[in-house]
Protein backbone atom coordinates (compact mmCIF):
# COMPACT_ATOMS: atom_id res chain seq x y z
CA MET A 1 9.29 -28.28 21.00
CA SER A 2 7.20 -25.31 22.16
CA ASP A 3 3.46 -25.60 22.79
CA TYR A 4 2.94 -22.02 21.59
CA THR A 5 1.37 -21.13 18.27
CA LEU A 6 1.53 -17.73 16.68
CA THR A 7 -1.71 -16.42 15.13
CA LYS A 8 -1.97 -13.57 12.65
CA GLU A 9 -4.00 -10.61 13.72
CA SER A 10 -4.71 -7.51 11.73
CA PRO A 11 -3.95 -4.23 13.44
CA LEU A 12 -7.58 -3.02 13.33
CA ASN A 13 -9.42 -6.35 13.46
CA GLY A 14 -10.84 -5.93 9.90
CA VAL A 15 -12.66 -2.71 10.77
CA GLU A 16 -15.16 -1.37 8.22
CA HIS A 17 -17.32 1.73 8.69
CA GLU A 18 -19.80 3.37 6.35
CA PHE A 19 -20.51 7.08 6.74
CA ASP A 20 -23.10 8.42 4.32
CA GLY A 21 -21.32 7.18 1.24
CA ILE A 22 -17.78 7.20 2.54
CA THR A 23 -16.27 3.83 3.46
CA ILE A 24 -13.33 3.31 5.77
CA ALA A 25 -12.05 -0.25 5.73
CA GLU A 26 -8.96 -2.03 6.83
CA VAL A 27 -7.23 -3.73 3.89
CA ILE A 28 -6.64 -7.28 5.02
CA ASP A 29 -6.39 -9.14 1.73
CA GLN A 30 -3.09 -7.65 0.53
CA SER A 31 0.56 -8.31 1.31
CA LEU A 32 3.40 -5.82 1.05
CA VAL A 33 6.96 -6.88 0.19
CA MET A 34 9.96 -4.61 -0.16
CA VAL A 35 11.96 -5.46 -3.28
CA ALA A 36 15.51 -4.02 -2.99
CA MET A 37 17.35 -3.69 -6.29
CA PRO A 38 21.14 -3.59 -6.27
CA ARG A 39 22.33 -0.74 -8.46
CA ASP A 40 24.23 -3.02 -10.81
CA LYS A 41 21.19 -5.29 -11.33
CA VAL A 42 18.31 -2.80 -11.89
CA ASP A 43 18.20 -3.42 -15.68
CA LYS A 44 18.35 -7.20 -15.20
CA ILE A 45 15.58 -7.00 -12.56
CA ASP A 46 13.45 -4.80 -14.82
CA SER A 47 13.90 -7.27 -17.67
CA ALA A 48 13.09 -10.30 -15.48
CA ILE A 49 9.86 -8.89 -14.08
CA LYS A 50 8.67 -7.79 -17.51
CA LYS A 51 9.23 -11.29 -18.77
CA SER A 52 7.66 -13.05 -15.73
CA CYS A 53 4.54 -11.00 -15.18
CA GLY A 54 4.43 -8.01 -17.52
CA LEU A 55 5.56 -5.54 -14.84
CA SER A 56 8.03 -2.74 -15.25
CA ILE A 57 9.77 -0.77 -12.53
CA PRO A 58 7.64 2.40 -12.05
CA THR A 59 8.98 5.94 -12.02
CA MET A 60 9.27 7.72 -8.64
CA GLY A 61 5.90 8.37 -7.08
CA HIS A 62 4.00 6.06 -9.37
CA SER A 63 2.95 2.48 -9.64
CA THR A 64 2.76 -0.27 -12.29
CA HIS A 65 0.50 -3.29 -12.53
CA SER A 66 1.19 -6.83 -13.68
CA SER A 67 -0.40 -8.08 -16.89
CA ASP A 68 -3.05 -9.86 -14.78
CA ALA A 69 -3.42 -6.71 -12.57
CA LEU A 70 -2.75 -8.72 -9.35
CA ILE A 71 0.66 -7.31 -8.50
CA THR A 72 1.26 -3.61 -8.11
CA LEU A 73 4.71 -2.08 -7.64
CA TRP A 74 5.08 1.20 -5.87
CA ARG A 75 8.24 3.38 -6.27
CA LEU A 76 9.08 5.56 -3.37
CA GLN A 77 12.89 5.16 -3.30
CA LYS A 78 15.64 4.93 -5.83
CA ASN A 79 16.69 1.28 -5.49
CA GLN A 80 13.53 -0.18 -3.90
CA VAL A 81 9.96 -0.84 -4.84
CA LEU A 82 7.09 -2.16 -2.77
CA ALA A 83 5.12 -5.09 -4.16
CA TYR A 84 1.43 -4.81 -3.13
CA TYR A 85 -0.58 -7.92 -3.97
CA PRO A 86 -3.15 -10.45 -2.69
CA TYR A 87 -1.49 -13.14 -0.63
CA ALA A 88 -2.69 -14.69 2.64
CA GLY A 89 0.06 -17.24 3.26
CA ASP A 90 3.01 -17.17 5.64
CA ASP A 91 5.88 -16.65 3.19
CA ALA A 92 5.21 -13.60 1.04
CA GLU A 93 8.92 -13.13 0.42
CA ALA A 94 9.29 -16.51 -1.31
CA ASP A 95 5.93 -16.14 -3.03
CA ILE A 96 6.71 -12.78 -4.65
CA ALA A 97 10.32 -13.82 -5.43
CA ASP A 98 8.89 -16.76 -7.38
CA LYS A 99 6.34 -14.53 -9.15
CA LEU A 100 8.83 -11.84 -10.12
CA ASN A 101 11.69 -14.22 -10.80
CA ALA A 102 14.20 -11.40 -10.42
CA PRO A 103 17.63 -11.24 -8.65
CA ALA A 104 16.50 -8.80 -5.99
CA TYR A 105 16.31 -8.90 -2.22
CA TYR A 106 12.84 -9.42 -0.70
CA THR A 107 11.57 -8.47 2.76
CA ASP A 108 7.97 -9.02 3.87
CA GLN A 109 6.58 -5.75 5.30
CA SER A 110 2.96 -6.89 5.66
CA ASP A 111 2.81 -7.12 9.45
CA THR A 112 4.67 -3.79 9.86
CA TRP A 113 1.96 -1.66 8.30
CA ALA A 114 -1.69 -1.05 8.90
CA MET A 115 -3.54 -0.53 5.63
CA ILE A 116 -6.77 1.50 5.52
CA ARG A 117 -8.83 2.19 2.37
CA VAL A 118 -10.83 5.40 2.28
CA SER A 119 -13.35 5.30 -0.56
CA GLY A 120 -16.49 6.97 -1.77
CA GLU A 121 -17.58 10.09 -3.61
CA ARG A 122 -16.21 12.46 -0.87
CA SER A 123 -13.08 10.48 0.01
CA ARG A 124 -10.79 13.17 -1.37
CA ASP A 125 -12.66 15.85 0.72
CA VAL A 126 -11.98 13.70 3.84
CA LEU A 127 -8.30 13.20 3.11
CA GLU A 128 -7.67 16.85 2.14
CA ARG A 129 -8.42 17.88 5.70
CA ILE A 130 -5.54 15.71 7.05
CA CYS A 131 -3.12 15.31 4.11
CA PRO A 132 -0.77 18.07 3.10
CA LEU A 133 -0.33 16.71 -0.40
CA ASP A 134 -2.21 18.10 -3.39
CA LEU A 135 -4.73 15.33 -4.05
CA ASP A 136 -6.28 17.06 -7.06
CA PRO A 137 -7.15 14.23 -9.48
CA ASP A 138 -5.12 15.87 -12.29
CA LYS A 139 -2.03 15.90 -10.06
CA PHE A 140 -2.37 12.83 -7.85
CA THR A 141 -3.64 10.55 -10.57
CA ILE A 142 -4.77 6.93 -10.20
CA GLY A 143 -1.65 4.93 -9.46
CA SER A 144 0.21 7.76 -7.67
CA VAL A 145 1.90 6.91 -4.42
CA ALA A 146 3.67 9.14 -1.88
CA ARG A 147 5.05 9.37 1.55
CA THR A 148 3.63 12.06 3.75
CA VAL A 149 2.56 12.97 7.24
CA MET A 150 -1.10 12.99 8.27
CA GLU A 151 -2.00 14.22 11.76
CA HIS A 152 1.70 13.87 12.76
CA ILE A 153 1.73 10.23 11.61
CA GLY A 154 4.08 9.01 8.88
CA THR A 155 1.88 7.67 6.05
CA ILE A 156 2.11 6.26 2.59
CA ILE A 157 -0.84 7.15 0.38
CA TYR A 158 -1.73 5.29 -2.77
CA ARG A 159 -4.61 6.23 -5.08
CA ASP A 160 -6.06 2.98 -6.33
CA GLY A 161 -9.29 4.25 -8.00
CA ASP A 162 -11.35 7.23 -8.94
CA ASP A 163 -12.59 7.71 -5.39
CA SER A 164 -10.38 5.34 -3.50
CA TYR A 165 -7.13 5.73 -1.53
CA VAL A 166 -5.12 3.26 0.50
CA LEU A 167 -3.29 4.68 3.52
CA LEU A 168 -0.45 2.82 5.18
CA THR A 169 0.85 3.74 8.59
CA MET A 170 3.01 1.92 11.05
CA ARG A 171 1.02 -0.76 12.89
CA SER A 172 1.47 0.95 16.25
CA PHE A 173 -0.22 4.11 14.89
CA SER A 174 -3.17 2.28 13.31
CA HIS A 175 -5.75 3.30 15.87
CA SER A 176 -4.60 6.94 15.89
CA MET A 177 -4.80 7.03 12.08
CA LEU A 178 -8.26 5.49 12.05
CA HIS A 179 -9.44 8.00 14.59
CA ALA A 180 -7.98 10.92 12.52
CA ILE A 181 -9.83 9.66 9.44
CA GLU A 182 -13.12 9.21 11.32
CA VAL A 183 -12.90 12.75 12.78
CA SER A 184 -12.24 14.16 9.30
CA VAL A 185 -15.26 12.26 7.93
CA LYS A 186 -17.49 13.76 10.70
CA ASN A 187 -16.16 17.28 9.89
CA VAL A 188 -16.81 16.84 6.15
CA LEU A 189 -20.37 15.49 6.43
């Protein structure tokens, strides 16, 4: 038996910065699990998750919330959704499979991504400098989710509130993304 123990570490060590009403904070209280849906089971999966937690499979580029608002599904691909929800344990795959109770395939993605929330009254101004998507509130509504590139870094952006966005980037790019956001904040203020 090995004497080594693995310890979880967030990519940005739980960073949180406040800049004159704009907050940049690493999201460390959420897990992310890919839920792959075989083509011939999509209807069965949709029915199962509606029954288990009041969720439905969202349309492309949007999200849905469970009846208790704890689980959010993001739809970025035809036969897959991402489950974004609070979980701090070591087996998110089994946990979300139990919650959704659906015949899908589950893969924990939590340690692959760095998650950064940009919030505050001028958060959209900050992101518009580095994000090529139209973030107009009438177009990128609350619950919208999209893949894009920010500062040459592959990113998923999710709007989770009036003035709040969660950005996901590959863990290895986390410091570069944080720097890009901080520079944008300084240019906006």
